[in-house]
N, C-alpha and C. Protein backbone atom coordinates (compact mmCIF):
# COMPACT_ATOMS: atom_id res chain seq x y z
N MET A 1 -25.33 -19.65 -1.88
CA MET A 1 -24.42 -20.30 -0.96
C MET A 1 -23.01 -19.78 -1.21
N TRP A 2 -22.31 -19.45 -0.14
CA TRP A 2 -20.96 -18.92 -0.26
C TRP A 2 -19.98 -19.97 0.20
N GLY A 3 -18.82 -20.00 -0.44
CA GLY A 3 -17.77 -20.93 -0.06
C GLY A 3 -16.61 -20.17 0.52
N PHE A 4 -15.53 -20.87 0.77
CA PHE A 4 -14.36 -20.26 1.37
C PHE A 4 -13.14 -20.53 0.51
N ASP A 5 -12.32 -19.49 0.31
CA ASP A 5 -11.00 -19.70 -0.27
C ASP A 5 -10.13 -20.32 0.82
N ASN A 6 -9.03 -20.88 0.45
CA ASN A 6 -8.11 -21.43 1.44
C ASN A 6 -7.59 -20.29 2.30
N ALA A 7 -7.78 -20.40 3.60
CA ALA A 7 -7.33 -19.36 4.52
C ALA A 7 -5.85 -19.53 4.79
N PRO A 8 -5.08 -18.42 4.89
CA PRO A 8 -3.68 -18.52 5.25
C PRO A 8 -3.53 -19.09 6.66
N ALA A 9 -2.35 -19.60 6.96
CA ALA A 9 -2.10 -20.15 8.29
C ALA A 9 -2.47 -19.12 9.35
N GLY A 10 -3.17 -19.53 10.35
CA GLY A 10 -3.58 -18.65 11.42
C GLY A 10 -4.85 -17.86 11.14
N GLN A 11 -5.39 -17.95 9.94
CA GLN A 11 -6.61 -17.21 9.58
C GLN A 11 -7.83 -17.97 10.08
N ASP A 12 -8.76 -17.27 10.65
CA ASP A 12 -10.01 -17.86 11.12
C ASP A 12 -10.83 -18.31 9.92
N ALA A 13 -10.99 -19.61 9.75
CA ALA A 13 -11.70 -20.16 8.60
C ALA A 13 -13.20 -19.84 8.65
N ALA A 14 -13.70 -19.34 9.79
CA ALA A 14 -15.12 -19.00 9.89
C ALA A 14 -15.44 -17.76 9.06
N GLN A 15 -14.43 -16.99 8.69
CA GLN A 15 -14.65 -15.78 7.90
C GLN A 15 -13.95 -15.98 6.56
N PRO A 16 -14.69 -16.13 5.47
CA PRO A 16 -14.05 -16.35 4.17
C PRO A 16 -13.26 -15.13 3.72
N LEU A 17 -12.18 -15.37 3.01
CA LEU A 17 -11.41 -14.25 2.47
C LEU A 17 -12.12 -13.61 1.30
N TYR A 18 -12.80 -14.40 0.51
CA TYR A 18 -13.60 -13.92 -0.61
C TYR A 18 -14.83 -14.78 -0.69
N PRO A 19 -15.97 -14.17 -0.93
CA PRO A 19 -17.15 -15.00 -1.16
C PRO A 19 -17.01 -15.67 -2.51
N ARG A 20 -17.55 -16.85 -2.65
CA ARG A 20 -17.55 -17.45 -3.98
C ARG A 20 -18.86 -18.18 -4.19
N ARG A 21 -19.18 -18.34 -5.42
CA ARG A 21 -20.47 -18.91 -5.79
C ARG A 21 -20.31 -20.34 -6.25
N PRO A 22 -21.41 -21.11 -6.25
CA PRO A 22 -21.34 -22.47 -6.78
C PRO A 22 -20.81 -22.46 -8.21
N GLY A 23 -20.10 -23.50 -8.58
CA GLY A 23 -19.53 -23.58 -9.91
C GLY A 23 -18.10 -23.09 -9.97
N TYR A 24 -17.57 -22.60 -8.85
CA TYR A 24 -16.20 -22.12 -8.78
C TYR A 24 -15.24 -23.28 -9.05
N THR A 25 -14.25 -23.04 -9.89
CA THR A 25 -13.23 -24.05 -10.14
C THR A 25 -11.86 -23.43 -9.94
N GLN A 26 -11.01 -24.11 -9.19
CA GLN A 26 -9.66 -23.63 -8.93
C GLN A 26 -8.75 -24.03 -10.09
N ARG A 27 -7.96 -23.11 -10.58
CA ARG A 27 -6.97 -23.38 -11.62
C ARG A 27 -5.63 -22.90 -11.11
N PRO A 28 -4.54 -23.52 -11.52
CA PRO A 28 -3.22 -23.10 -11.03
C PRO A 28 -3.00 -21.61 -11.29
N ASN A 29 -2.64 -20.87 -10.24
CA ASN A 29 -2.34 -19.44 -10.29
C ASN A 29 -3.50 -18.56 -10.74
N ASN A 30 -4.66 -19.12 -11.01
CA ASN A 30 -5.81 -18.32 -11.39
C ASN A 30 -6.96 -18.62 -10.44
N ARG A 31 -7.79 -17.65 -10.25
CA ARG A 31 -8.97 -17.84 -9.41
C ARG A 31 -10.16 -17.25 -10.13
N LEU A 32 -11.30 -17.84 -9.90
CA LEU A 32 -12.54 -17.33 -10.47
C LEU A 32 -13.34 -16.74 -9.32
N LEU A 33 -13.75 -15.49 -9.48
CA LEU A 33 -14.54 -14.83 -8.46
C LEU A 33 -15.59 -13.99 -9.17
N PHE A 34 -16.84 -14.25 -8.86
CA PHE A 34 -17.96 -13.54 -9.48
C PHE A 34 -17.85 -13.56 -11.00
N GLY A 35 -17.44 -14.69 -11.55
CA GLY A 35 -17.38 -14.85 -12.99
C GLY A 35 -16.16 -14.24 -13.64
N ARG A 36 -15.19 -13.75 -12.86
CA ARG A 36 -13.98 -13.15 -13.41
C ARG A 36 -12.77 -13.95 -12.96
N PHE A 37 -11.89 -14.27 -13.91
CA PHE A 37 -10.62 -14.88 -13.55
C PHE A 37 -9.62 -13.78 -13.25
N TYR A 38 -8.80 -14.01 -12.27
CA TYR A 38 -7.70 -13.10 -12.01
C TYR A 38 -6.49 -13.93 -11.64
N THR A 39 -5.32 -13.42 -11.94
CA THR A 39 -4.08 -14.10 -11.61
C THR A 39 -3.51 -13.48 -10.36
N ARG A 40 -3.27 -14.28 -9.38
CA ARG A 40 -2.69 -13.78 -8.14
C ARG A 40 -1.21 -13.53 -8.36
N ILE A 41 -0.75 -12.32 -8.09
CA ILE A 41 0.65 -11.97 -8.22
C ILE A 41 1.30 -12.21 -6.86
N PRO A 42 2.18 -13.19 -6.76
CA PRO A 42 2.70 -13.57 -5.44
C PRO A 42 3.60 -12.51 -4.82
N ARG A 43 3.50 -12.38 -3.50
CA ARG A 43 4.44 -11.52 -2.78
C ARG A 43 5.79 -12.24 -2.77
N GLN A 44 6.85 -11.47 -2.71
CA GLN A 44 8.16 -12.09 -2.66
C GLN A 44 9.16 -11.18 -1.97
N THR A 45 10.19 -11.80 -1.41
CA THR A 45 11.29 -11.05 -0.81
C THR A 45 12.24 -10.66 -1.93
N VAL A 46 12.59 -9.36 -1.97
CA VAL A 46 13.42 -8.84 -3.05
C VAL A 46 14.53 -7.96 -2.46
N ALA A 47 15.57 -7.73 -3.27
CA ALA A 47 16.60 -6.77 -2.89
C ALA A 47 15.97 -5.38 -2.88
N PHE A 48 16.34 -4.57 -1.91
CA PHE A 48 15.74 -3.24 -1.79
C PHE A 48 16.78 -2.26 -1.28
N GLU A 49 17.05 -1.25 -2.10
CA GLU A 49 18.01 -0.21 -1.72
C GLU A 49 17.28 0.98 -1.14
N GLY A 50 17.91 1.61 -0.21
CA GLY A 50 17.32 2.79 0.41
C GLY A 50 17.65 2.80 1.88
N ASN A 51 17.60 3.97 2.46
CA ASN A 51 17.94 4.12 3.86
C ASN A 51 16.67 4.23 4.70
N HIS A 52 15.92 3.14 4.76
CA HIS A 52 14.67 3.12 5.49
C HIS A 52 14.77 2.10 6.62
N ALA A 53 14.18 2.44 7.76
CA ALA A 53 14.21 1.54 8.91
C ALA A 53 13.36 0.30 8.62
N PRO A 54 13.74 -0.83 9.18
CA PRO A 54 12.88 -2.02 9.06
C PRO A 54 11.48 -1.70 9.59
N GLY A 55 10.46 -2.21 8.88
CA GLY A 55 9.08 -1.94 9.25
C GLY A 55 8.46 -0.79 8.48
N THR A 56 9.28 -0.04 7.73
CA THR A 56 8.76 1.05 6.91
C THR A 56 8.02 0.46 5.71
N ILE A 57 6.93 1.09 5.34
CA ILE A 57 6.15 0.69 4.17
C ILE A 57 6.34 1.74 3.09
N ILE A 58 6.77 1.29 1.90
CA ILE A 58 6.95 2.18 0.75
C ILE A 58 5.97 1.74 -0.33
N VAL A 59 5.13 2.66 -0.80
CA VAL A 59 4.22 2.38 -1.91
C VAL A 59 4.75 3.14 -3.12
N ARG A 60 5.01 2.43 -4.20
CA ARG A 60 5.46 3.04 -5.45
C ARG A 60 4.31 2.98 -6.45
N HIS A 61 3.63 4.12 -6.55
CA HIS A 61 2.44 4.23 -7.39
C HIS A 61 2.72 3.79 -8.81
N SER A 62 3.82 4.25 -9.39
CA SER A 62 4.12 3.95 -10.79
C SER A 62 4.34 2.45 -11.03
N GLU A 63 4.83 1.74 -10.02
CA GLU A 63 5.05 0.29 -10.13
C GLU A 63 3.81 -0.51 -9.74
N ARG A 64 2.91 0.14 -9.00
CA ARG A 64 1.77 -0.54 -8.39
C ARG A 64 2.25 -1.66 -7.49
N ARG A 65 3.23 -1.30 -6.65
CA ARG A 65 3.82 -2.24 -5.70
C ARG A 65 4.00 -1.57 -4.35
N LEU A 66 3.89 -2.36 -3.31
CA LEU A 66 4.13 -1.93 -1.94
C LEU A 66 5.31 -2.75 -1.43
N TYR A 67 6.21 -2.08 -0.73
CA TYR A 67 7.39 -2.74 -0.16
C TYR A 67 7.36 -2.61 1.36
N TYR A 68 7.51 -3.72 2.04
CA TYR A 68 7.66 -3.72 3.49
C TYR A 68 9.14 -3.97 3.75
N VAL A 69 9.82 -2.94 4.29
CA VAL A 69 11.27 -3.01 4.47
C VAL A 69 11.62 -3.97 5.61
N LEU A 70 12.47 -4.95 5.27
CA LEU A 70 12.95 -5.92 6.25
C LEU A 70 14.28 -5.49 6.87
N GLY A 71 15.04 -4.69 6.15
CA GLY A 71 16.39 -4.33 6.56
C GLY A 71 17.39 -5.21 5.82
N ASN A 72 18.67 -4.93 6.03
CA ASN A 72 19.74 -5.69 5.38
C ASN A 72 19.56 -5.75 3.87
N GLY A 73 19.06 -4.66 3.27
CA GLY A 73 18.92 -4.59 1.83
C GLY A 73 17.81 -5.43 1.25
N GLN A 74 16.81 -5.79 2.07
CA GLN A 74 15.70 -6.60 1.58
C GLN A 74 14.35 -6.01 1.98
N ALA A 75 13.34 -6.38 1.18
CA ALA A 75 11.96 -5.98 1.46
C ALA A 75 11.04 -7.05 0.91
N ILE A 76 9.83 -7.08 1.43
CA ILE A 76 8.80 -7.93 0.86
C ILE A 76 8.01 -7.06 -0.11
N ARG A 77 7.86 -7.55 -1.34
CA ARG A 77 7.14 -6.80 -2.38
C ARG A 77 5.76 -7.41 -2.58
N TYR A 78 4.75 -6.54 -2.57
CA TYR A 78 3.36 -6.95 -2.77
C TYR A 78 2.79 -6.18 -3.97
N ALA A 79 1.92 -6.81 -4.74
CA ALA A 79 1.17 -6.12 -5.79
C ALA A 79 0.00 -5.38 -5.14
N VAL A 80 -0.29 -4.18 -5.63
CA VAL A 80 -1.39 -3.38 -5.08
C VAL A 80 -2.16 -2.69 -6.20
N ALA A 81 -3.35 -2.23 -5.86
CA ALA A 81 -4.09 -1.29 -6.70
C ALA A 81 -3.93 0.07 -6.05
N VAL A 82 -3.85 1.11 -6.86
CA VAL A 82 -3.62 2.46 -6.35
C VAL A 82 -4.73 3.40 -6.82
N GLY A 83 -4.63 4.64 -6.38
CA GLY A 83 -5.64 5.64 -6.73
C GLY A 83 -5.69 5.96 -8.21
N ARG A 84 -6.91 6.11 -8.71
CA ARG A 84 -7.10 6.49 -10.11
C ARG A 84 -6.64 7.93 -10.30
N GLU A 85 -6.49 8.33 -11.55
CA GLU A 85 -6.07 9.70 -11.87
C GLU A 85 -7.01 10.68 -11.18
N GLY A 86 -6.44 11.64 -10.49
CA GLY A 86 -7.22 12.63 -9.77
C GLY A 86 -7.51 12.24 -8.33
N ALA A 87 -7.32 10.97 -7.98
CA ALA A 87 -7.56 10.52 -6.60
C ALA A 87 -6.27 10.04 -5.94
N ALA A 88 -5.22 9.83 -6.73
CA ALA A 88 -3.96 9.36 -6.19
C ALA A 88 -3.29 10.47 -5.38
N TRP A 89 -2.51 10.07 -4.42
CA TRP A 89 -1.81 11.03 -3.57
C TRP A 89 -0.40 10.51 -3.31
N SER A 90 0.43 11.37 -2.78
CA SER A 90 1.77 10.96 -2.37
C SER A 90 2.10 11.72 -1.10
N GLY A 91 3.03 11.17 -0.36
CA GLY A 91 3.43 11.80 0.89
C GLY A 91 3.81 10.76 1.92
N THR A 92 3.95 11.24 3.15
CA THR A 92 4.38 10.40 4.26
C THR A 92 3.31 10.42 5.35
N SER A 93 3.08 9.26 5.94
CA SER A 93 2.12 9.15 7.03
C SER A 93 2.61 8.07 7.99
N THR A 94 1.78 7.74 8.95
CA THR A 94 2.07 6.64 9.86
C THR A 94 0.82 5.78 10.02
N VAL A 95 1.01 4.55 10.41
CA VAL A 95 -0.11 3.66 10.69
C VAL A 95 -0.67 4.06 12.05
N SER A 96 -1.87 4.62 12.04
CA SER A 96 -2.48 5.13 13.27
C SER A 96 -3.48 4.16 13.89
N ASN A 97 -3.93 3.17 13.12
CA ASN A 97 -4.89 2.19 13.63
C ASN A 97 -4.85 0.97 12.73
N LYS A 98 -5.29 -0.15 13.27
CA LYS A 98 -5.37 -1.40 12.51
C LYS A 98 -6.70 -2.06 12.87
N ARG A 99 -7.39 -2.59 11.85
CA ARG A 99 -8.68 -3.25 12.10
C ARG A 99 -8.79 -4.53 11.28
N GLU A 100 -9.39 -5.55 11.89
CA GLU A 100 -9.74 -6.78 11.20
C GLU A 100 -11.18 -6.68 10.73
N TRP A 101 -11.43 -7.08 9.49
CA TRP A 101 -12.76 -7.01 8.87
C TRP A 101 -13.45 -5.69 9.20
N PRO A 102 -12.83 -4.55 8.77
CA PRO A 102 -13.36 -3.24 9.14
C PRO A 102 -14.69 -2.93 8.47
N ASN A 103 -15.46 -2.07 9.14
CA ASN A 103 -16.68 -1.53 8.53
C ASN A 103 -16.27 -0.52 7.47
N TRP A 104 -17.22 -0.14 6.61
CA TRP A 104 -16.94 0.83 5.56
C TRP A 104 -18.06 1.83 5.46
N THR A 105 -17.70 3.10 5.44
CA THR A 105 -18.61 4.20 5.17
C THR A 105 -18.05 4.95 3.98
N PRO A 106 -18.73 4.95 2.83
CA PRO A 106 -18.19 5.65 1.67
C PRO A 106 -18.08 7.15 1.93
N THR A 107 -17.03 7.74 1.38
CA THR A 107 -16.82 9.18 1.54
C THR A 107 -17.83 9.94 0.67
N PRO A 108 -18.03 11.23 0.94
CA PRO A 108 -18.93 12.03 0.09
C PRO A 108 -18.51 12.00 -1.39
N ALA A 109 -17.21 12.00 -1.66
CA ALA A 109 -16.75 11.97 -3.06
C ALA A 109 -17.14 10.66 -3.74
N ILE A 110 -17.04 9.56 -3.03
CA ILE A 110 -17.43 8.26 -3.58
C ILE A 110 -18.93 8.24 -3.83
N LEU A 111 -19.70 8.77 -2.89
CA LEU A 111 -21.16 8.79 -3.04
C LEU A 111 -21.62 9.68 -4.20
N ARG A 112 -20.86 10.75 -4.48
CA ARG A 112 -21.20 11.58 -5.65
C ARG A 112 -21.03 10.79 -6.94
N ARG A 113 -19.99 9.96 -7.01
CA ARG A 113 -19.75 9.14 -8.21
C ARG A 113 -20.70 7.96 -8.28
N GLN A 114 -21.05 7.40 -7.12
CA GLN A 114 -21.89 6.20 -7.07
C GLN A 114 -22.98 6.39 -6.01
N PRO A 115 -24.02 7.16 -6.31
CA PRO A 115 -25.03 7.49 -5.31
C PRO A 115 -25.86 6.30 -4.83
N ASP A 116 -25.83 5.18 -5.54
CA ASP A 116 -26.63 4.02 -5.14
C ASP A 116 -25.94 3.14 -4.10
N LEU A 117 -24.73 3.50 -3.67
CA LEU A 117 -24.01 2.71 -2.68
C LEU A 117 -24.70 2.80 -1.31
N PRO A 118 -24.55 1.76 -0.49
CA PRO A 118 -25.05 1.87 0.88
C PRO A 118 -24.26 2.94 1.64
N ARG A 119 -24.88 3.54 2.62
CA ARG A 119 -24.21 4.59 3.40
C ARG A 119 -23.30 4.01 4.47
N PHE A 120 -23.46 2.72 4.78
CA PHE A 120 -22.63 2.03 5.77
C PHE A 120 -22.65 0.55 5.45
N MET A 121 -21.52 -0.11 5.65
CA MET A 121 -21.44 -1.54 5.40
C MET A 121 -20.64 -2.21 6.51
N GLU A 122 -21.25 -3.22 7.13
CA GLU A 122 -20.56 -4.02 8.15
C GLU A 122 -19.35 -4.70 7.53
N GLY A 123 -18.34 -4.94 8.34
CA GLY A 123 -17.17 -5.68 7.88
C GLY A 123 -17.55 -7.10 7.50
N GLY A 124 -16.83 -7.67 6.55
CA GLY A 124 -17.09 -9.04 6.10
C GLY A 124 -16.66 -9.21 4.66
N PRO A 125 -16.83 -10.40 4.11
CA PRO A 125 -16.33 -10.71 2.77
C PRO A 125 -16.92 -9.85 1.65
N GLN A 126 -18.13 -9.31 1.81
CA GLN A 126 -18.73 -8.46 0.78
C GLN A 126 -18.25 -7.02 0.85
N ASN A 127 -17.60 -6.65 1.95
CA ASN A 127 -17.19 -5.28 2.21
C ASN A 127 -15.98 -4.91 1.35
N PRO A 128 -15.98 -3.75 0.70
CA PRO A 128 -14.86 -3.34 -0.14
C PRO A 128 -13.54 -3.16 0.61
N MET A 129 -13.57 -3.04 1.93
CA MET A 129 -12.34 -2.87 2.71
C MET A 129 -11.60 -4.20 2.92
N GLY A 130 -12.26 -5.30 2.64
CA GLY A 130 -11.58 -6.59 2.74
C GLY A 130 -11.31 -7.04 4.17
N ALA A 131 -10.32 -7.92 4.30
CA ALA A 131 -10.06 -8.63 5.55
C ALA A 131 -9.35 -7.79 6.62
N ARG A 132 -8.55 -6.82 6.22
CA ARG A 132 -7.79 -6.01 7.17
C ARG A 132 -7.63 -4.61 6.61
N ALA A 133 -7.38 -3.65 7.53
CA ALA A 133 -7.11 -2.28 7.11
C ALA A 133 -6.08 -1.66 8.04
N LEU A 134 -5.14 -0.94 7.43
CA LEU A 134 -4.17 -0.12 8.15
C LEU A 134 -4.57 1.33 7.88
N TYR A 135 -4.90 2.07 8.92
CA TYR A 135 -5.37 3.45 8.80
C TYR A 135 -4.16 4.37 8.78
N LEU A 136 -4.16 5.33 7.86
CA LEU A 136 -3.00 6.21 7.66
C LEU A 136 -3.24 7.57 8.29
N GLY A 137 -2.58 7.81 9.42
CA GLY A 137 -2.68 9.08 10.12
C GLY A 137 -4.12 9.44 10.43
N ASP A 138 -4.46 10.72 10.24
CA ASP A 138 -5.84 11.16 10.46
C ASP A 138 -6.55 11.39 9.13
N THR A 139 -6.07 10.72 8.07
CA THR A 139 -6.67 10.86 6.74
C THR A 139 -7.79 9.83 6.56
N LEU A 140 -8.45 9.90 5.43
CA LEU A 140 -9.45 8.89 5.06
C LEU A 140 -8.81 7.75 4.27
N TYR A 141 -7.48 7.81 4.06
CA TYR A 141 -6.79 6.80 3.28
C TYR A 141 -6.43 5.58 4.14
N ARG A 142 -6.45 4.44 3.48
CA ARG A 142 -6.15 3.17 4.13
C ARG A 142 -5.31 2.30 3.19
N ILE A 143 -4.58 1.38 3.79
CA ILE A 143 -4.05 0.23 3.06
C ILE A 143 -4.98 -0.88 3.49
N HIS A 144 -5.69 -1.48 2.54
CA HIS A 144 -6.72 -2.45 2.94
C HIS A 144 -6.87 -3.56 1.91
N GLY A 145 -7.58 -4.59 2.32
CA GLY A 145 -7.90 -5.69 1.42
C GLY A 145 -8.97 -5.27 0.43
N THR A 146 -9.51 -6.25 -0.27
CA THR A 146 -10.55 -5.93 -1.26
C THR A 146 -11.44 -7.14 -1.50
N ASN A 147 -12.67 -6.87 -1.90
CA ASN A 147 -13.56 -7.93 -2.36
C ASN A 147 -13.52 -8.02 -3.89
N GLU A 148 -12.60 -7.28 -4.51
CA GLU A 148 -12.42 -7.29 -5.97
C GLU A 148 -10.94 -7.52 -6.31
N PRO A 149 -10.41 -8.71 -6.05
CA PRO A 149 -8.97 -8.93 -6.23
C PRO A 149 -8.49 -8.78 -7.66
N TRP A 150 -9.39 -8.85 -8.64
CA TRP A 150 -8.98 -8.67 -10.03
C TRP A 150 -8.55 -7.24 -10.32
N THR A 151 -8.78 -6.29 -9.38
CA THR A 151 -8.35 -4.90 -9.59
C THR A 151 -6.89 -4.67 -9.20
N ILE A 152 -6.26 -5.65 -8.56
CA ILE A 152 -4.87 -5.49 -8.13
C ILE A 152 -3.99 -5.28 -9.36
N GLY A 153 -3.12 -4.28 -9.28
CA GLY A 153 -2.25 -3.92 -10.40
C GLY A 153 -2.82 -2.78 -11.23
N GLU A 154 -3.97 -2.25 -10.84
CA GLU A 154 -4.64 -1.20 -11.61
C GLU A 154 -4.67 0.12 -10.84
N GLU A 155 -5.02 1.20 -11.54
CA GLU A 155 -5.29 2.50 -10.93
C GLU A 155 -6.81 2.64 -10.84
N VAL A 156 -7.40 2.23 -9.74
CA VAL A 156 -8.85 2.16 -9.66
C VAL A 156 -9.46 2.72 -8.38
N SER A 157 -8.67 2.93 -7.35
CA SER A 157 -9.25 3.28 -6.06
C SER A 157 -9.51 4.78 -5.95
N SER A 158 -10.11 5.16 -4.84
CA SER A 158 -10.36 6.57 -4.54
C SER A 158 -9.22 7.15 -3.72
N GLY A 159 -8.06 6.52 -3.82
CA GLY A 159 -6.86 7.00 -3.13
C GLY A 159 -6.27 5.99 -2.18
N CYS A 160 -7.07 5.02 -1.75
CA CYS A 160 -6.56 3.98 -0.87
C CYS A 160 -5.65 3.02 -1.64
N ILE A 161 -4.86 2.27 -0.90
CA ILE A 161 -3.99 1.25 -1.46
C ILE A 161 -4.67 -0.09 -1.19
N ARG A 162 -5.05 -0.80 -2.26
CA ARG A 162 -5.74 -2.09 -2.14
C ARG A 162 -4.75 -3.23 -2.31
N MET A 163 -4.99 -4.28 -1.54
CA MET A 163 -4.19 -5.51 -1.63
C MET A 163 -5.14 -6.70 -1.65
N THR A 164 -4.66 -7.85 -2.09
CA THR A 164 -5.49 -9.04 -1.93
C THR A 164 -5.66 -9.27 -0.43
N ASN A 165 -6.72 -9.96 -0.05
CA ASN A 165 -6.93 -10.24 1.36
C ASN A 165 -5.78 -11.06 1.95
N GLU A 166 -5.25 -12.01 1.19
CA GLU A 166 -4.12 -12.82 1.68
C GLU A 166 -2.92 -11.93 1.99
N ASP A 167 -2.64 -10.99 1.09
CA ASP A 167 -1.48 -10.12 1.28
C ASP A 167 -1.70 -9.10 2.39
N VAL A 168 -2.88 -8.53 2.49
CA VAL A 168 -3.09 -7.53 3.54
C VAL A 168 -3.06 -8.19 4.92
N ILE A 169 -3.48 -9.43 5.03
CA ILE A 169 -3.36 -10.15 6.31
C ILE A 169 -1.89 -10.32 6.67
N ASP A 170 -1.06 -10.69 5.68
CA ASP A 170 0.37 -10.84 5.93
C ASP A 170 0.98 -9.51 6.37
N LEU A 171 0.69 -8.43 5.64
CA LEU A 171 1.22 -7.11 5.99
C LEU A 171 0.72 -6.66 7.35
N TYR A 172 -0.54 -6.84 7.62
CA TYR A 172 -1.16 -6.46 8.91
C TYR A 172 -0.42 -7.12 10.07
N ASN A 173 -0.12 -8.41 9.93
CA ASN A 173 0.56 -9.14 11.00
C ASN A 173 2.00 -8.68 11.20
N ARG A 174 2.62 -8.10 10.20
CA ARG A 174 4.00 -7.63 10.30
C ARG A 174 4.09 -6.19 10.80
N THR A 175 3.06 -5.40 10.56
CA THR A 175 3.13 -3.95 10.77
C THR A 175 2.72 -3.56 12.17
N ARG A 176 3.50 -2.65 12.75
CA ARG A 176 3.18 -2.13 14.09
C ARG A 176 2.53 -0.75 13.97
N LEU A 177 1.76 -0.39 14.99
CA LEU A 177 1.21 0.97 15.04
C LEU A 177 2.36 1.96 15.07
N GLY A 178 2.20 3.06 14.37
CA GLY A 178 3.26 4.06 14.30
C GLY A 178 4.24 3.84 13.16
N ALA A 179 4.12 2.72 12.44
CA ALA A 179 5.03 2.47 11.33
C ALA A 179 4.93 3.59 10.30
N ARG A 180 6.07 3.93 9.72
CA ARG A 180 6.12 4.97 8.70
C ARG A 180 5.65 4.42 7.37
N VAL A 181 4.83 5.21 6.65
CA VAL A 181 4.33 4.85 5.34
C VAL A 181 4.69 5.98 4.38
N ILE A 182 5.37 5.61 3.28
CA ILE A 182 5.78 6.60 2.28
C ILE A 182 5.12 6.20 0.96
N VAL A 183 4.32 7.11 0.42
CA VAL A 183 3.66 6.86 -0.87
C VAL A 183 4.34 7.75 -1.91
N GLN A 184 4.93 7.11 -2.91
CA GLN A 184 5.68 7.81 -3.96
C GLN A 184 4.93 7.73 -5.27
N ARG A 185 4.88 8.83 -6.02
CA ARG A 185 4.26 8.83 -7.35
C ARG A 185 5.24 8.28 -8.34
């Protein structure tokens, strides 16, 4: 039996943000998911210097943080997971597509590392892409949610930028198609 985490305002409660199992207990600032506790790192509005247009997304790999530029010297800061050594990238792109509960097809590189993975996975709480995805240009990279929120703050992905489902929903709702994305090492 699967339960539901508290959905953010406006979130369809029919689709859980994370599956959870019986015996789940909520603790302040900690969550238990699949037998693992993780601490949710809250997003916050922070001072932000730089000459970037409002709506620009800056990912700072070394900080494991994503900034959504608000303008007037401010940005919203989110905790993220980034690409592991050898899979991380840097550069500039744009948001070319946005999807809610996206499907997932592992890349050939992922399948070489983990050949037992399914070749296709429908969108939903069990899907590694999580609740939302922002597609970056014509690449295979995405800014997306995750079904493994305890990985946030780590270098674990195959190059994508992972966020908690709560945070990626917030970013998704703020971001327009064509928004500039800058990934810095």
